[in-house]
Amino acid sequence: MKILLKLISLVGLAMSIFPPILFFLGKMELSSMKLWMGIGMVVWMISAPFWINKPSEQ
């Protein structure tokens, strides 16, 4: 479960990082960039607290 949460968090983080790069390169419009960044932010904020700063299960 923890690995799945990490994967979801990283996808959300990528959705927050790549749209501004695509916008800068002229491959994405401003409204689309804002939408994808907003979705990525929500995904990251919901999924990351469940695994960050938790002891690892070994």
C-alpha atoms as a PDB file:
ATOM      1  CA  MET A   1       0.000   0.000   0.000  1.00  0.00           C
ATOM      2  CA  LYS A   2       2.827   2.365   0.848  1.00  0.00           C
ATOM      3  CA  ILE A   3       4.431   1.811  -2.559  1.00  0.00           C
ATOM      4  CA  LEU A   4       1.127   2.623  -4.262  1.00  0.00           C
ATOM      5  CA  LEU A   5       0.826   5.856  -2.265  1.00  0.00           C
ATOM      6  CA  LYS A   6       4.369   6.829  -3.236  1.00  0.00           C
ATOM      7  CA  LEU A   7       3.592   6.184  -6.891  1.00  0.00           C
ATOM      8  CA  ILE A   8       0.394   8.259  -6.725  1.00  0.00           C
ATOM      9  CA  SER A   9       2.283  11.048  -4.958  1.00  0.00           C
ATOM     10  CA  LEU A  10       5.002  11.097  -7.582  1.00  0.00           C
ATOM     11  CA  VAL A  11       2.416  11.252 -10.362  1.00  0.00           C
ATOM     12  CA  GLY A  12       0.809  14.227  -8.606  1.00  0.00           C
ATOM     13  CA  LEU A  13       4.193  15.879  -8.215  1.00  0.00           C
ATOM     14  CA  ALA A  14       4.950  15.336 -11.901  1.00  0.00           C
ATOM     15  CA  MET A  15       1.571  16.874 -12.758  1.00  0.00           C
ATOM     16  CA  SER A  16       2.694  19.960 -10.828  1.00  0.00           C
ATOM     17  CA  ILE A  17       6.145  20.190 -12.418  1.00  0.00           C
ATOM     18  CA  PHE A  18       5.750  19.370 -16.115  1.00  0.00           C
ATOM     19  CA  PRO A  19       2.859  21.676 -17.145  1.00  0.00           C
ATOM     20  CA  PRO A  20       4.845  24.892 -16.509  1.00  0.00           C
ATOM     21  CA  ILE A  21       7.702  23.474 -18.571  1.00  0.00           C
ATOM     22  CA  LEU A  22       5.296  22.631 -21.393  1.00  0.00           C
ATOM     23  CA  PHE A  23       3.751  26.098 -21.117  1.00  0.00           C
ATOM     24  CA  PHE A  24       7.193  27.694 -21.320  1.00  0.00           C
ATOM     25  CA  LEU A  25       7.963  25.678 -24.443  1.00  0.00           C
ATOM     26  CA  GLY A  26       4.652  26.750 -26.004  1.00  0.00           C
ATOM     27  CA  LYS A  27       3.122  23.259 -25.986  1.00  0.00           C
ATOM     28  CA  MET A  28       0.322  24.032 -23.506  1.00  0.00           C
ATOM     29  CA  GLU A  29      -2.081  26.898 -22.938  1.00  0.00           C
ATOM     30  CA  LEU A  30      -2.298  28.818 -19.677  1.00  0.00           C
ATOM     31  CA  SER A  31      -5.733  27.497 -18.692  1.00  0.00           C
ATOM     32  CA  SER A  32      -4.677  23.880 -19.291  1.00  0.00           C
ATOM     33  CA  MET A  33      -1.500  24.423 -17.294  1.00  0.00           C
ATOM     34  CA  LYS A  34      -3.450  25.794 -14.342  1.00  0.00           C
ATOM     35  CA  LEU A  35      -5.892  22.895 -14.466  1.00  0.00           C
ATOM     36  CA  TRP A  36      -3.194  20.183 -14.544  1.00  0.00           C
ATOM     37  CA  MET A  37      -1.160  21.910 -11.832  1.00  0.00           C
ATOM     38  CA  GLY A  38      -4.243  22.185  -9.628  1.00  0.00           C
ATOM     39  CA  ILE A  39      -5.083  18.518 -10.063  1.00  0.00           C
ATOM     40  CA  GLY A  40      -1.468  17.560  -9.385  1.00  0.00           C
ATOM     41  CA  MET A  41      -1.375  19.690  -6.252  1.00  0.00           C
ATOM     42  CA  VAL A  42      -4.522  18.077  -4.875  1.00  0.00           C
ATOM     43  CA  VAL A  43      -3.258  14.557  -5.651  1.00  0.00           C
ATOM     44  CA  TRP A  44       0.087  15.294  -3.985  1.00  0.00           C
ATOM     45  CA  MET A  45      -1.459  16.909  -0.898  1.00  0.00           C
ATOM     46  CA  ILE A  46      -3.893  14.051  -0.380  1.00  0.00           C
ATOM     47  CA  SER A  47      -1.498  11.146  -0.922  1.00  0.00           C
ATOM     48  CA  ALA A  48       1.873  12.344   0.412  1.00  0.00           C
ATOM     49  CA  PRO A  49       1.039  12.749   4.134  1.00  0.00           C
ATOM     50  CA  PHE A  50       0.264   9.047   4.420  1.00  0.00           C
ATOM     51  CA  TRP A  51       3.848   7.973   3.707  1.00  0.00           C
ATOM     52  CA  ILE A  52       6.148  10.935   4.396  1.00  0.00           C
ATOM     53  CA  ASN A  53       7.867  10.810   7.817  1.00  0.00           C
ATOM     54  CA  LYS A  54       6.451   7.397   8.595  1.00  0.00           C
ATOM     55  CA  PRO A  55       8.786   4.628   9.754  1.00  0.00           C
ATOM     56  CA  SER A  56       9.526   2.188   6.957  1.00  0.00           C
ATOM     57  CA  GLU A  57       8.210  -1.344   7.260  1.00  0.00           C
ATOM     58  CA  GLN A  58      11.163  -3.719   6.980  1.00  0.00           C
END
